[in-house]
Amino acid sequence: MPQHAEIIELLSKGNRLVVLDPALALQCIERAYSLLENCKLVDVELCVKVTFPYSRLLFSFGRVDESLSILFKALTQAELGNQKLEQEELLQEIALTYYTLGNYQEAGEYWADCFLCDDFSAVAKLNAHIGMGMIQFAQGQIELALAQHQHAIALLNSQIPPVLHARAWINAAAAFFQLNQWHESQHALVVAYPFAQQAQNHEFIGEIYIYMAKIALETNNLGTARQRLAQAKASCKEWRWGEILQLILHGRIFMASAQMDDAIACFSCALEKAQEMGSAKQIMDAHHLLSMAYQRTGNKQQAEYEYGCYQAACIRMKLVAEGVSVHTIRQAIYPTQACLGMLHCA
């Protein structure tokens, strides 16, 4: 079918352009998606192949509602066609999207679906456990989160895709970092890097460099922090969520160098972008850092205002995070004693 060949060609071109020219990549994949919708071809596998890059590009350009909408549409098709593999992948993508937005209740529910479906694969359950560990991390239960990710690492093998190796190690690095275990965090990032490269996941590469920069900043090595930040920026051209993290990090480097005006400019820009994206965690962080920066400049009124915004953001984050209780997570992971044998997760 001519349309089928054109869809494949546009998808291939779009995937090649994701890093080089994200805007053009979006145009190509948007055209492929439109062709797929307009033709009478019912091909769930192809639909998912087009949906993933289209959804991620939409998300990276801040078109979050559209990104989620096409994921849900593809999930419906996969469920109607009883395509288990595609269902697993779509549930994971939806959960990750909600997690990135700070909506841990929704994220937890979609990861829980992967536990509750007996005939889902080990990879799906591995992803779900990593996801639940990420939620525990967000709830401040860092030791529990680290245990989840270390369990995931113990279950990795050569049959598991490289992108999952990278995810497990990056999440472990994040937990080690939060526990101020800089050496262990750096080691996990070094292990994750070749897997992220092998998977050609530029966002993961960017995240690895961001954490390396944060470790350098915490250990008072500003030169290395600047170098790693530059590498993070070069790793992914269009990465809205990563851009926010980079701005926050750059602001912290400016603040450590006593360049307060530059720091405030970075934090303010990060706050604006985080508000556009609806990224609750980054909104909270930006307000907190702005408060600290204004305090150091002697602007007490502005510092108090930003601190008030930070406290309000903390309360909102706490309410959202508590939407997924430890009991809920345990019920999802261990619904009955008989399910324990099938667990192959982090």
C-alpha atoms as a PDB file:
ATOM      1  CA  MET A   1       0.000   0.000   0.000  1.00  0.00           C
ATOM      2  CA  PRO A   2       1.548   3.360  -1.062  1.00  0.00           C
ATOM      3  CA  GLN A   3       0.391   5.143   2.107  1.00  0.00           C
ATOM      4  CA  HIS A   4       2.039   2.491   4.267  1.00  0.00           C
ATOM      5  CA  ALA A   5       5.386   3.007   2.501  1.00  0.00           C
ATOM      6  CA  GLU A   6       5.088   6.792   2.829  1.00  0.00           C
ATOM      7  CA  ILE A   7       4.316   6.514   6.544  1.00  0.00           C
ATOM      8  CA  ILE A   8       7.401   4.354   7.086  1.00  0.00           C
ATOM      9  CA  GLU A   9       9.559   6.770   5.093  1.00  0.00           C
ATOM     10  CA  LEU A  10       8.294   9.835   7.005  1.00  0.00           C
ATOM     11  CA  LEU A  11       8.753   8.045  10.332  1.00  0.00           C
ATOM     12  CA  SER A  12      12.316   7.065   9.446  1.00  0.00           C
ATOM     13  CA  LYS A  13      13.151  10.602   8.342  1.00  0.00           C
ATOM     14  CA  GLY A  14      11.603  12.075  11.479  1.00  0.00           C
ATOM     15  CA  ASN A  15      13.544   9.738  13.753  1.00  0.00           C
ATOM     16  CA  ARG A  16      16.809  10.731  12.034  1.00  0.00           C
ATOM     17  CA  LEU A  17      16.013  14.419  12.532  1.00  0.00           C
ATOM     18  CA  VAL A  18      14.979  14.289  16.205  1.00  0.00           C
ATOM     19  CA  VAL A  19      18.352  15.566  17.435  1.00  0.00           C
ATOM     20  CA  LEU A  20      19.457  17.539  14.353  1.00  0.00           C
ATOM     21  CA  ASP A  21      16.221  19.465  13.753  1.00  0.00           C
ATOM     22  CA  PRO A  22      13.414  18.689  16.215  1.00  0.00           C
ATOM     23  CA  ALA A  23      10.945  21.081  14.559  1.00  0.00           C
ATOM     24  CA  LEU A  24      11.384  19.407  11.168  1.00  0.00           C
ATOM     25  CA  ALA A  25      11.224  15.980  12.836  1.00  0.00           C
ATOM     26  CA  LEU A  26       7.887  16.957  14.345  1.00  0.00           C
ATOM     27  CA  GLN A  27       6.580  17.998  10.919  1.00  0.00           C
ATOM     28  CA  CYS A  28       7.598  14.662   9.375  1.00  0.00           C
ATOM     29  CA  ILE A  29       6.113  12.514  12.109  1.00  0.00           C
ATOM     30  CA  GLU A  30       2.997  14.688  12.311  1.00  0.00           C
ATOM     31  CA  ARG A  31       2.501  14.032   8.587  1.00  0.00           C
ATOM     32  CA  ALA A  32       3.035  10.291   9.123  1.00  0.00           C
ATOM     33  CA  TYR A  33       0.482  10.264  11.936  1.00  0.00           C
ATOM     34  CA  SER A  34      -2.023  12.175   9.803  1.00  0.00           C
ATOM     35  CA  LEU A  35      -1.619   9.700   6.926  1.00  0.00           C
ATOM     36  CA  LEU A  36      -2.088   6.780   9.310  1.00  0.00           C
ATOM     37  CA  GLU A  37      -5.302   8.319  10.658  1.00  0.00           C
ATOM     38  CA  ASN A  38      -6.701   9.090   7.216  1.00  0.00           C
ATOM     39  CA  CYS A  39      -6.100   5.688   5.646  1.00  0.00           C
ATOM     40  CA  LYS A  40      -8.150   2.628   6.512  1.00  0.00           C
ATOM     41  CA  LEU A  41      -5.079   0.671   7.540  1.00  0.00           C
ATOM     42  CA  VAL A  42      -5.500  -1.049  10.927  1.00  0.00           C
ATOM     43  CA  ASP A  43      -1.952  -1.708  12.082  1.00  0.00           C
ATOM     44  CA  VAL A  44      -1.570  -1.333  15.850  1.00  0.00           C
ATOM     45  CA  GLU A  45       2.175  -1.996  15.757  1.00  0.00           C
ATOM     46  CA  LEU A  46       2.760   0.761  13.195  1.00  0.00           C
ATOM     47  CA  CYS A  47       0.389   3.064  15.075  1.00  0.00           C
ATOM     48  CA  VAL A  48       2.486   2.679  18.236  1.00  0.00           C
ATOM     49  CA  LYS A  49       5.744   3.164  16.307  1.00  0.00           C
ATOM     50  CA  VAL A  50       4.438   6.504  15.037  1.00  0.00           C
ATOM     51  CA  THR A  51       2.725   7.484  18.297  1.00  0.00           C
ATOM     52  CA  PHE A  52       5.816   7.264  20.521  1.00  0.00           C
ATOM     53  CA  PRO A  53       8.079   9.734  18.687  1.00  0.00           C
ATOM     54  CA  TYR A  54       5.102  11.982  17.907  1.00  0.00           C
ATOM     55  CA  SER A  55       4.008  12.050  21.561  1.00  0.00           C
ATOM     56  CA  ARG A  56       7.547  12.703  22.819  1.00  0.00           C
ATOM     57  CA  LEU A  57       8.120  15.524  20.350  1.00  0.00           C
ATOM     58  CA  LEU A  58       4.788  17.112  21.236  1.00  0.00           C
ATOM     59  CA  PHE A  59       5.724  16.883  24.908  1.00  0.00           C
ATOM     60  CA  SER A  60       9.182  18.370  24.306  1.00  0.00           C
ATOM     61  CA  PHE A  61       7.539  21.356  22.597  1.00  0.00           C
ATOM     62  CA  GLY A  62       5.172  21.819  25.545  1.00  0.00           C
ATOM     63  CA  ARG A  63       2.065  20.382  23.829  1.00  0.00           C
ATOM     64  CA  VAL A  64       1.327  18.110  26.773  1.00  0.00           C
ATOM     65  CA  ASP A  65      -2.424  17.571  26.331  1.00  0.00           C
ATOM     66  CA  GLU A  66      -1.942  16.536  22.698  1.00  0.00           C
ATOM     67  CA  SER A  67       0.888  14.224  23.721  1.00  0.00           C
ATOM     68  CA  LEU A  68      -1.288  12.385  26.244  1.00  0.00           C
ATOM     69  CA  SER A  69      -4.293  12.338  23.925  1.00  0.00           C
ATOM     70  CA  ILE A  70      -2.552  10.358  21.195  1.00  0.00           C
ATOM     71  CA  LEU A  71      -1.085   7.950  23.763  1.00  0.00           C
ATOM     72  CA  PHE A  72      -4.552   7.178  25.098  1.00  0.00           C
ATOM     73  CA  LYS A  73      -5.892   6.774  21.568  1.00  0.00           C
ATOM     74  CA  ALA A  74      -3.153   4.256  20.746  1.00  0.00           C
ATOM     75  CA  LEU A  75      -3.756   2.415  24.048  1.00  0.00           C
ATOM     76  CA  THR A  76      -7.423   1.994  23.147  1.00  0.00           C
ATOM     77  CA  GLN A  77      -6.448   0.490  19.791  1.00  0.00           C
ATOM     78  CA  ALA A  78      -3.936  -1.848  21.434  1.00  0.00           C
ATOM     79  CA  GLU A  79      -6.540  -3.020  23.960  1.00  0.00           C
ATOM     80  CA  LEU A  80      -9.128  -3.611  21.233  1.00  0.00           C
ATOM     81  CA  GLY A  81      -6.569  -5.640  19.272  1.00  0.00           C
ATOM     82  CA  ASN A  82      -5.400  -7.477  22.419  1.00  0.00           C
ATOM     83  CA  GLN A  83      -1.820  -6.447  21.613  1.00  0.00           C
ATOM     84  CA  LYS A  84      -0.113  -7.032  24.979  1.00  0.00           C
ATOM     85  CA  LEU A  85       3.350  -5.765  24.094  1.00  0.00           C
ATOM     86  CA  GLU A  86       1.972  -2.496  22.740  1.00  0.00           C
ATOM     87  CA  GLN A  87      -0.272  -2.133  25.802  1.00  0.00           C
ATOM     88  CA  GLU A  88       2.740  -2.531  28.102  1.00  0.00           C
ATOM     89  CA  GLU A  89       4.773   0.067  26.233  1.00  0.00           C
ATOM     90  CA  LEU A  90       1.925   2.576  26.139  1.00  0.00           C
ATOM     91  CA  LEU A  91       1.102   2.179  29.839  1.00  0.00           C
ATOM     92  CA  GLN A  92       4.762   2.812  30.645  1.00  0.00           C
ATOM     93  CA  GLU A  93       4.871   5.903  28.430  1.00  0.00           C
ATOM     94  CA  ILE A  94       1.675   7.330  29.931  1.00  0.00           C
ATOM     95  CA  ALA A  95       2.924   6.703  33.479  1.00  0.00           C
ATOM     96  CA  LEU A  96       6.255   8.379  32.705  1.00  0.00           C
ATOM     97  CA  THR A  97       4.477  11.376  31.208  1.00  0.00           C
ATOM     98  CA  TYR A  98       2.340  11.846  34.313  1.00  0.00           C
ATOM     99  CA  TYR A  99       5.389  11.344  36.532  1.00  0.00           C
ATOM    100  CA  THR A 100       7.305  14.053  34.658  1.00  0.00           C
ATOM    101  CA  LEU A 101       4.357  16.385  35.192  1.00  0.00           C
ATOM    102  CA  GLY A 102       4.422  15.655  38.933  1.00  0.00           C
ATOM    103  CA  ASN A 103       1.087  13.812  38.873  1.00  0.00           C
ATOM    104  CA  TYR A 104       2.175  10.810  40.953  1.00  0.00           C
ATOM    105  CA  GLN A 105      -1.365   9.560  41.555  1.00  0.00           C
ATOM    106  CA  GLU A 106      -1.990   8.989  37.849  1.00  0.00           C
ATOM    107  CA  ALA A 107       1.541   7.718  37.245  1.00  0.00           C
ATOM    108  CA  GLY A 108       1.209   5.177  40.064  1.00  0.00           C
ATOM    109  CA  GLU A 109      -2.124   3.918  38.761  1.00  0.00           C
ATOM    110  CA  TYR A 110      -0.752   3.227  35.277  1.00  0.00           C
ATOM    111  CA  TRP A 111       2.363   1.510  36.636  1.00  0.00           C
ATOM    112  CA  ALA A 112       0.118  -0.510  38.961  1.00  0.00           C
ATOM    113  CA  ASP A 113      -1.785  -1.748  35.891  1.00  0.00           C
ATOM    114  CA  CYS A 114       1.445  -3.452  34.792  1.00  0.00           C
ATOM    115  CA  PHE A 115       1.571  -5.416  38.059  1.00  0.00           C
ATOM    116  CA  LEU A 116      -2.085  -6.374  38.000  1.00  0.00           C
ATOM    117  CA  CYS A 117      -2.038  -7.907  34.509  1.00  0.00           C
ATOM    118  CA  ASP A 118      -0.730 -11.461  34.953  1.00  0.00           C
ATOM    119  CA  ASP A 119       0.271 -11.987  31.323  1.00  0.00           C
ATOM    120  CA  PHE A 120       2.398  -8.847  31.028  1.00  0.00           C
ATOM    121  CA  SER A 121       6.106  -9.401  30.432  1.00  0.00           C
ATOM    122  CA  ALA A 122       8.986  -9.232  32.903  1.00  0.00           C
ATOM    123  CA  VAL A 123      10.145  -6.031  31.216  1.00  0.00           C
ATOM    124  CA  ALA A 124       6.772  -4.395  31.909  1.00  0.00           C
ATOM    125  CA  LYS A 125       6.979  -5.338  35.561  1.00  0.00           C
ATOM    126  CA  LEU A 126      10.597  -4.198  35.736  1.00  0.00           C
ATOM    127  CA  ASN A 127       9.549  -0.822  34.354  1.00  0.00           C
ATOM    128  CA  ALA A 128       6.687  -0.649  36.828  1.00  0.00           C
ATOM    129  CA  HIS A 129       8.943  -1.342  39.794  1.00  0.00           C
ATOM    130  CA  ILE A 130      11.383   1.338  38.675  1.00  0.00           C
ATOM    131  CA  GLY A 131       8.409   3.668  38.352  1.00  0.00           C
ATOM    132  CA  MET A 132       7.144   2.877  41.828  1.00  0.00           C
ATOM    133  CA  GLY A 133      10.670   3.488  43.122  1.00  0.00           C
ATOM    134  CA  MET A 134      10.579   6.888  41.443  1.00  0.00           C
ATOM    135  CA  ILE A 135       7.313   7.668  43.240  1.00  0.00           C
ATOM    136  CA  GLN A 136       8.812   6.604  46.580  1.00  0.00           C
ATOM    137  CA  PHE A 137      11.752   8.879  45.780  1.00  0.00           C
ATOM    138  CA  ALA A 138       9.319  11.750  45.160  1.00  0.00           C
ATOM    139  CA  GLN A 139       7.647  11.012  48.500  1.00  0.00           C
ATOM    140  CA  GLY A 140      11.002  11.373  50.249  1.00  0.00           C
ATOM    141  CA  GLN A 141      11.369   7.643  50.963  1.00  0.00           C
ATOM    142  CA  ILE A 142      14.840   7.562  49.464  1.00  0.00           C
ATOM    143  CA  GLU A 143      16.118   4.375  51.068  1.00  0.00           C
ATOM    144  CA  LEU A 144      13.044   2.460  49.881  1.00  0.00           C
ATOM    145  CA  ALA A 145      13.441   3.925  46.399  1.00  0.00           C
ATOM    146  CA  LEU A 146      17.116   2.957  46.309  1.00  0.00           C
ATOM    147  CA  ALA A 147      16.258  -0.594  47.359  1.00  0.00           C
ATOM    148  CA  GLN A 148      13.790  -0.820  44.457  1.00  0.00           C
ATOM    149  CA  HIS A 149      16.365   0.366  41.930  1.00  0.00           C
ATOM    150  CA  GLN A 150      19.106  -1.873  43.334  1.00  0.00           C
ATOM    151  CA  HIS A 151      16.715  -4.803  42.980  1.00  0.00           C
ATOM    152  CA  ALA A 152      16.170  -3.758  39.356  1.00  0.00           C
ATOM    153  CA  ILE A 153      19.924  -3.673  38.761  1.00  0.00           C
ATOM    154  CA  ALA A 154      20.260  -7.195  40.193  1.00  0.00           C
ATOM    155  CA  LEU A 155      17.684  -8.422  37.668  1.00  0.00           C
ATOM    156  CA  LEU A 156      19.266  -6.857  34.583  1.00  0.00           C
ATOM    157  CA  ASN A 157      20.761  -9.207  32.017  1.00  0.00           C
ATOM    158  CA  SER A 158      21.889  -9.195  28.404  1.00  0.00           C
ATOM    159  CA  GLN A 159      18.328  -9.833  27.201  1.00  0.00           C
ATOM    160  CA  ILE A 160      17.050  -6.606  28.766  1.00  0.00           C
ATOM    161  CA  PRO A 161      17.155  -3.611  26.360  1.00  0.00           C
ATOM    162  CA  PRO A 162      20.019  -1.119  26.936  1.00  0.00           C
ATOM    163  CA  VAL A 163      17.553   1.686  27.632  1.00  0.00           C
ATOM    164  CA  LEU A 164      16.308  -0.206  30.715  1.00  0.00           C
ATOM    165  CA  HIS A 165      19.853  -0.737  31.961  1.00  0.00           C
ATOM    166  CA  ALA A 166      20.364   3.022  31.667  1.00  0.00           C
ATOM    167  CA  ARG A 167      17.084   3.794  33.456  1.00  0.00           C
ATOM    168  CA  ALA A 168      17.837   1.497  36.377  1.00  0.00           C
ATOM    169  CA  TRP A 169      21.345   2.875  36.897  1.00  0.00           C
ATOM    170  CA  ILE A 170      20.289   6.532  36.496  1.00  0.00           C
ATOM    171  CA  ASN A 171      17.553   6.098  39.083  1.00  0.00           C
ATOM    172  CA  ALA A 172      19.995   4.438  41.460  1.00  0.00           C
ATOM    173  CA  ALA A 173      22.371   7.362  40.894  1.00  0.00           C
ATOM    174  CA  ALA A 174      19.609   9.821  41.757  1.00  0.00           C
ATOM    175  CA  ALA A 175      18.876   8.008  45.018  1.00  0.00           C
ATOM    176  CA  PHE A 176      22.569   7.816  45.951  1.00  0.00           C
ATOM    177  CA  PHE A 177      22.859  11.538  45.189  1.00  0.00           C
ATOM    178  CA  GLN A 178      19.931  12.363  47.461  1.00  0.00           C
ATOM    179  CA  LEU A 179      21.615  10.372  50.238  1.00  0.00           C
ATOM    180  CA  ASN A 180      24.832  12.426  49.714  1.00  0.00           C
ATOM    181  CA  GLN A 181      26.691   9.321  48.544  1.00  0.00           C
ATOM    182  CA  TRP A 182      28.573  11.135  45.764  1.00  0.00           C
ATOM    183  CA  HIS A 183      31.017   8.344  44.886  1.00  0.00           C
ATOM    184  CA  GLU A 184      28.270   5.732  44.524  1.00  0.00           C
ATOM    185  CA  SER A 185      26.163   8.144  42.488  1.00  0.00           C
ATOM    186  CA  GLN A 186      29.035   8.939  40.131  1.00  0.00           C
ATOM    187  CA  HIS A 187      29.782   5.225  39.690  1.00  0.00           C
ATOM    188  CA  ALA A 188      26.151   4.489  38.769  1.00  0.00           C
ATOM    189  CA  LEU A 189      26.202   7.312  36.195  1.00  0.00           C
ATOM    190  CA  VAL A 190      29.417   6.004  34.636  1.00  0.00           C
ATOM    191  CA  VAL A 191      27.835   2.553  34.310  1.00  0.00           C
ATOM    192  CA  ALA A 192      24.631   4.048  32.845  1.00  0.00           C
ATOM    193  CA  TYR A 193      26.390   6.140  30.197  1.00  0.00           C
ATOM    194  CA  PRO A 194      27.364   3.442  27.642  1.00  0.00           C
ATOM    195  CA  PHE A 195      23.871   1.927  27.855  1.00  0.00           C
ATOM    196  CA  ALA A 196      22.302   5.343  27.190  1.00  0.00           C
ATOM    197  CA  GLN A 197      24.666   5.748  24.232  1.00  0.00           C
ATOM    198  CA  GLN A 198      23.861   2.270  22.925  1.00  0.00           C
ATOM    199  CA  ALA A 199      20.144   3.069  23.171  1.00  0.00           C
ATOM    200  CA  GLN A 200      20.805   6.437  21.464  1.00  0.00           C
ATOM    201  CA  ASN A 201      18.703   8.055  24.185  1.00  0.00           C
ATOM    202  CA  HIS A 202      19.898  11.656  24.162  1.00  0.00           C
ATOM    203  CA  GLU A 203      17.650  12.692  27.035  1.00  0.00           C
ATOM    204  CA  PHE A 204      19.194  10.018  29.263  1.00  0.00           C
ATOM    205  CA  ILE A 205      22.665  11.161  28.216  1.00  0.00           C
ATOM    206  CA  GLY A 206      21.662  14.719  29.091  1.00  0.00           C
ATOM    207  CA  GLU A 207      20.313  13.598  32.458  1.00  0.00           C
ATOM    208  CA  ILE A 208      23.546  11.720  33.217  1.00  0.00           C
ATOM    209  CA  TYR A 209      25.573  14.868  32.539  1.00  0.00           C
ATOM    210  CA  ILE A 210      23.205  16.949  34.670  1.00  0.00           C
ATOM    211  CA  TYR A 211      23.701  14.633  37.643  1.00  0.00           C
ATOM    212  CA  MET A 212      27.461  14.611  37.090  1.00  0.00           C
ATOM    213  CA  ALA A 213      27.362  18.413  37.133  1.00  0.00           C
ATOM    214  CA  LYS A 214      25.309  18.391  40.342  1.00  0.00           C
ATOM    215  CA  ILE A 215      27.830  16.056  41.991  1.00  0.00           C
ATOM    216  CA  ALA A 216      30.663  18.371  40.920  1.00  0.00           C
ATOM    217  CA  LEU A 217      28.764  21.347  42.345  1.00  0.00           C
ATOM    218  CA  GLU A 218      28.170  19.580  45.665  1.00  0.00           C
ATOM    219  CA  THR A 219      31.865  18.686  45.906  1.00  0.00           C
ATOM    220  CA  ASN A 220      32.936  22.293  45.135  1.00  0.00           C
ATOM    221  CA  ASN A 221      34.336  21.568  41.687  1.00  0.00           C
ATOM    222  CA  LEU A 222      32.795  24.436  39.713  1.00  0.00           C
ATOM    223  CA  GLY A 223      34.986  23.894  36.661  1.00  0.00           C
ATOM    224  CA  THR A 224      33.765  20.326  36.213  1.00  0.00           C
ATOM    225  CA  ALA A 225      30.189  21.416  36.953  1.00  0.00           C
ATOM    226  CA  ARG A 226      30.319  23.952  34.112  1.00  0.00           C
ATOM    227  CA  GLN A 227      31.858  21.387  31.748  1.00  0.00           C
ATOM    228  CA  ARG A 228      29.205  18.750  32.503  1.00  0.00           C
ATOM    229  CA  LEU A 229      26.444  21.321  32.152  1.00  0.00           C
ATOM    230  CA  ALA A 230      27.768  22.267  28.701  1.00  0.00           C
ATOM    231  CA  GLN A 231      27.778  18.578  27.745  1.00  0.00           C
ATOM    232  CA  ALA A 232      24.197  18.212  28.970  1.00  0.00           C
ATOM    233  CA  LYS A 233      23.103  21.162  26.837  1.00  0.00           C
ATOM    234  CA  ALA A 234      24.876  19.756  23.775  1.00  0.00           C
ATOM    235  CA  SER A 235      23.370  16.297  24.195  1.00  0.00           C
ATOM    236  CA  CYS A 236      19.792  17.176  23.275  1.00  0.00           C
ATOM    237  CA  LYS A 237      18.706  20.174  21.190  1.00  0.00           C
ATOM    238  CA  GLU A 238      15.014  20.249  22.083  1.00  0.00           C
ATOM    239  CA  TRP A 239      14.260  18.945  25.553  1.00  0.00           C
ATOM    240  CA  ARG A 240      11.875  21.220  27.426  1.00  0.00           C
ATOM    241  CA  TRP A 241      11.999  19.380  30.751  1.00  0.00           C
ATOM    242  CA  GLY A 242      15.785  19.044  30.499  1.00  0.00           C
ATOM    243  CA  GLU A 243      16.077  22.721  29.630  1.00  0.00           C
ATOM    244  CA  ILE A 244      14.396  23.552  32.947  1.00  0.00           C
ATOM    245  CA  LEU A 245      16.841  21.320  34.849  1.00  0.00           C
ATOM    246  CA  GLN A 246      19.747  22.928  32.993  1.00  0.00           C
ATOM    247  CA  LEU A 247      18.552  26.446  33.836  1.00  0.00           C
ATOM    248  CA  ILE A 248      18.186  25.559  37.510  1.00  0.00           C
ATOM    249  CA  LEU A 249      21.636  23.995  37.556  1.00  0.00           C
ATOM    250  CA  HIS A 250      23.195  26.940  35.708  1.00  0.00           C
ATOM    251  CA  GLY A 251      21.584  29.283  38.228  1.00  0.00           C
ATOM    252  CA  ARG A 252      23.063  27.282  41.098  1.00  0.00           C
ATOM    253  CA  ILE A 253      26.505  27.513  39.502  1.00  0.00           C
ATOM    254  CA  PHE A 254      26.070  31.292  39.161  1.00  0.00           C
ATOM    255  CA  MET A 255      24.959  31.464  42.796  1.00  0.00           C
ATOM    256  CA  ALA A 256      28.003  29.471  43.927  1.00  0.00           C
ATOM    257  CA  SER A 257      30.125  31.990  41.990  1.00  0.00           C
ATOM    258  CA  ALA A 258      28.337  34.930  43.699  1.00  0.00           C
ATOM    259  CA  GLN A 259      26.826  36.065  40.357  1.00  0.00           C
ATOM    260  CA  MET A 260      23.401  36.729  41.819  1.00  0.00           C
ATOM    261  CA  ASP A 261      21.828  38.675  38.950  1.00  0.00           C
ATOM    262  CA  ASP A 262      22.669  35.881  36.517  1.00  0.00           C
ATOM    263  CA  ALA A 263      21.417  33.276  39.003  1.00  0.00           C
ATOM    264  CA  ILE A 264      18.092  35.090  39.442  1.00  0.00           C
ATOM    265  CA  ALA A 265      17.702  35.364  35.653  1.00  0.00           C
ATOM    266  CA  CYS A 266      18.220  31.587  35.284  1.00  0.00           C
ATOM    267  CA  PHE A 267      15.844  30.683  38.108  1.00  0.00           C
ATOM    268  CA  SER A 268      13.168  33.083  36.809  1.00  0.00           C
ATOM    269  CA  CYS A 269      13.400  31.620  33.314  1.00  0.00           C
ATOM    270  CA  ALA A 270      13.258  28.081  34.738  1.00  0.00           C
ATOM    271  CA  LEU A 271      10.168  29.016  36.757  1.00  0.00           C
ATOM    272  CA  GLU A 272       8.425  30.429  33.701  1.00  0.00           C
ATOM    273  CA  LYS A 273       9.134  27.327  31.618  1.00  0.00           C
ATOM    274  CA  ALA A 274       8.164  24.999  34.478  1.00  0.00           C
ATOM    275  CA  GLN A 275       4.844  26.821  34.855  1.00  0.00           C
ATOM    276  CA  GLU A 276       4.228  26.487  31.104  1.00  0.00           C
ATOM    277  CA  MET A 277       4.905  22.752  31.363  1.00  0.00           C
ATOM    278  CA  GLY A 278       3.062  22.260  34.644  1.00  0.00           C
ATOM    279  CA  SER A 279       6.171  20.641  36.171  1.00  0.00           C
ATOM    280  CA  ALA A 280       5.337  20.821  39.874  1.00  0.00           C
ATOM    281  CA  LYS A 281       8.737  19.738  41.249  1.00  0.00           C
ATOM    282  CA  GLN A 282      10.651  22.252  39.124  1.00  0.00           C
ATOM    283  CA  ILE A 283       8.201  25.044  40.050  1.00  0.00           C
ATOM    284  CA  MET A 284       8.875  24.312  43.715  1.00  0.00           C
ATOM    285  CA  ASP A 285      12.655  24.196  43.228  1.00  0.00           C
ATOM    286  CA  ALA A 286      12.717  27.446  41.240  1.00  0.00           C
ATOM    287  CA  HIS A 287      10.760  29.348  43.908  1.00  0.00           C
ATOM    288  CA  HIS A 288      13.055  28.001  46.634  1.00  0.00           C
ATOM    289  CA  LEU A 289      16.223  28.981  44.797  1.00  0.00           C
ATOM    290  CA  LEU A 290      14.830  32.409  43.904  1.00  0.00           C
ATOM    291  CA  SER A 291      14.127  32.974  47.591  1.00  0.00           C
ATOM    292  CA  MET A 292      17.714  32.056  48.469  1.00  0.00           C
ATOM    293  CA  ALA A 293      19.148  34.251  45.720  1.00  0.00           C
ATOM    294  CA  TYR A 294      17.061  37.298  46.694  1.00  0.00           C
ATOM    295  CA  GLN A 295      18.000  36.758  50.342  1.00  0.00           C
ATOM    296  CA  ARG A 296      21.679  36.937  49.395  1.00  0.00           C
ATOM    297  CA  THR A 297      21.131  40.181  47.470  1.00  0.00           C
ATOM    298  CA  GLY A 298      19.458  41.740  50.530  1.00  0.00           C
ATOM    299  CA  ASN A 299      16.027  41.931  48.874  1.00  0.00           C
ATOM    300  CA  LYS A 300      14.133  40.674  51.907  1.00  0.00           C
ATOM    301  CA  GLN A 301      10.646  41.447  50.561  1.00  0.00           C
ATOM    302  CA  GLN A 302      11.140  39.508  47.329  1.00  0.00           C
ATOM    303  CA  ALA A 303      12.863  36.683  49.206  1.00  0.00           C
ATOM    304  CA  GLU A 304       9.877  36.344  51.545  1.00  0.00           C
ATOM    305  CA  TYR A 305       7.452  36.412  48.614  1.00  0.00           C
ATOM    306  CA  GLU A 306       9.328  33.620  46.790  1.00  0.00           C
ATOM    307  CA  TYR A 307       9.592  31.603  49.999  1.00  0.00           C
ATOM    308  CA  GLY A 308       5.826  31.866  50.425  1.00  0.00           C
ATOM    309  CA  CYS A 309       5.382  30.604  46.854  1.00  0.00           C
ATOM    310  CA  TYR A 310       7.813  27.790  47.623  1.00  0.00           C
ATOM    311  CA  GLN A 311       5.830  26.753  50.719  1.00  0.00           C
ATOM    312  CA  ALA A 312       2.587  26.760  48.735  1.00  0.00           C
ATOM    313  CA  ALA A 313       4.241  24.613  46.035  1.00  0.00           C
ATOM    314  CA  CYS A 314       5.502  22.227  48.746  1.00  0.00           C
ATOM    315  CA  ILE A 315       1.981  21.772  50.072  1.00  0.00           C
ATOM    316  CA  ARG A 316       0.629  21.088  46.585  1.00  0.00           C
ATOM    317  CA  MET A 317       3.421  18.601  45.910  1.00  0.00           C
ATOM    318  CA  LYS A 318       2.820  16.871  49.258  1.00  0.00           C
ATOM    319  CA  LEU A 319      -0.886  16.501  48.586  1.00  0.00           C
ATOM    320  CA  VAL A 320      -0.253  15.072  45.117  1.00  0.00           C
ATOM    321  CA  ALA A 321       2.534  12.758  46.301  1.00  0.00           C
ATOM    322  CA  GLU A 322       0.427  11.439  49.174  1.00  0.00           C
ATOM    323  CA  GLY A 323      -2.245  10.494  46.639  1.00  0.00           C
ATOM    324  CA  VAL A 324      -0.192   7.325  46.119  1.00  0.00           C
ATOM    325  CA  SER A 325       0.315   5.929  49.601  1.00  0.00           C
ATOM    326  CA  VAL A 326       2.832   3.269  50.570  1.00  0.00           C
ATOM    327  CA  HIS A 327      -0.135   0.933  51.145  1.00  0.00           C
ATOM    328  CA  THR A 328      -1.378   1.517  47.591  1.00  0.00           C
ATOM    329  CA  ILE A 329       2.066   0.792  46.167  1.00  0.00           C
ATOM    330  CA  ARG A 330       2.363  -2.414  48.191  1.00  0.00           C
ATOM    331  CA  GLN A 331      -1.116  -3.521  47.165  1.00  0.00           C
ATOM    332  CA  ALA A 332      -0.204  -3.005  43.517  1.00  0.00           C
ATOM    333  CA  ILE A 333       3.105  -4.850  43.785  1.00  0.00           C
ATOM    334  CA  TYR A 334       1.929  -7.664  46.071  1.00  0.00           C
ATOM    335  CA  PRO A 335      -1.850  -8.038  45.459  1.00  0.00           C
ATOM    336  CA  THR A 336      -1.742 -11.692  46.597  1.00  0.00           C
ATOM    337  CA  GLN A 337       0.939 -14.036  47.848  1.00  0.00           C
ATOM    338  CA  ALA A 338       0.566 -16.110  44.658  1.00  0.00           C
ATOM    339  CA  CYS A 339       1.801 -13.215  42.524  1.00  0.00           C
ATOM    340  CA  LEU A 340       5.244 -13.109  44.132  1.00  0.00           C
ATOM    341  CA  GLY A 341       6.669 -15.739  41.809  1.00  0.00           C
ATOM    342  CA  MET A 342       6.133 -13.671  38.681  1.00  0.00           C
ATOM    343  CA  LEU A 343       7.878 -10.542  39.885  1.00  0.00           C
ATOM    344  CA  HIS A 344      10.846  -9.517  37.761  1.00  0.00           C
ATOM    345  CA  CYS A 345      11.011  -5.866  38.637  1.00  0.00           C
ATOM    346  CA  ALA A 346      13.005  -3.166  40.399  1.00  0.00           C
END
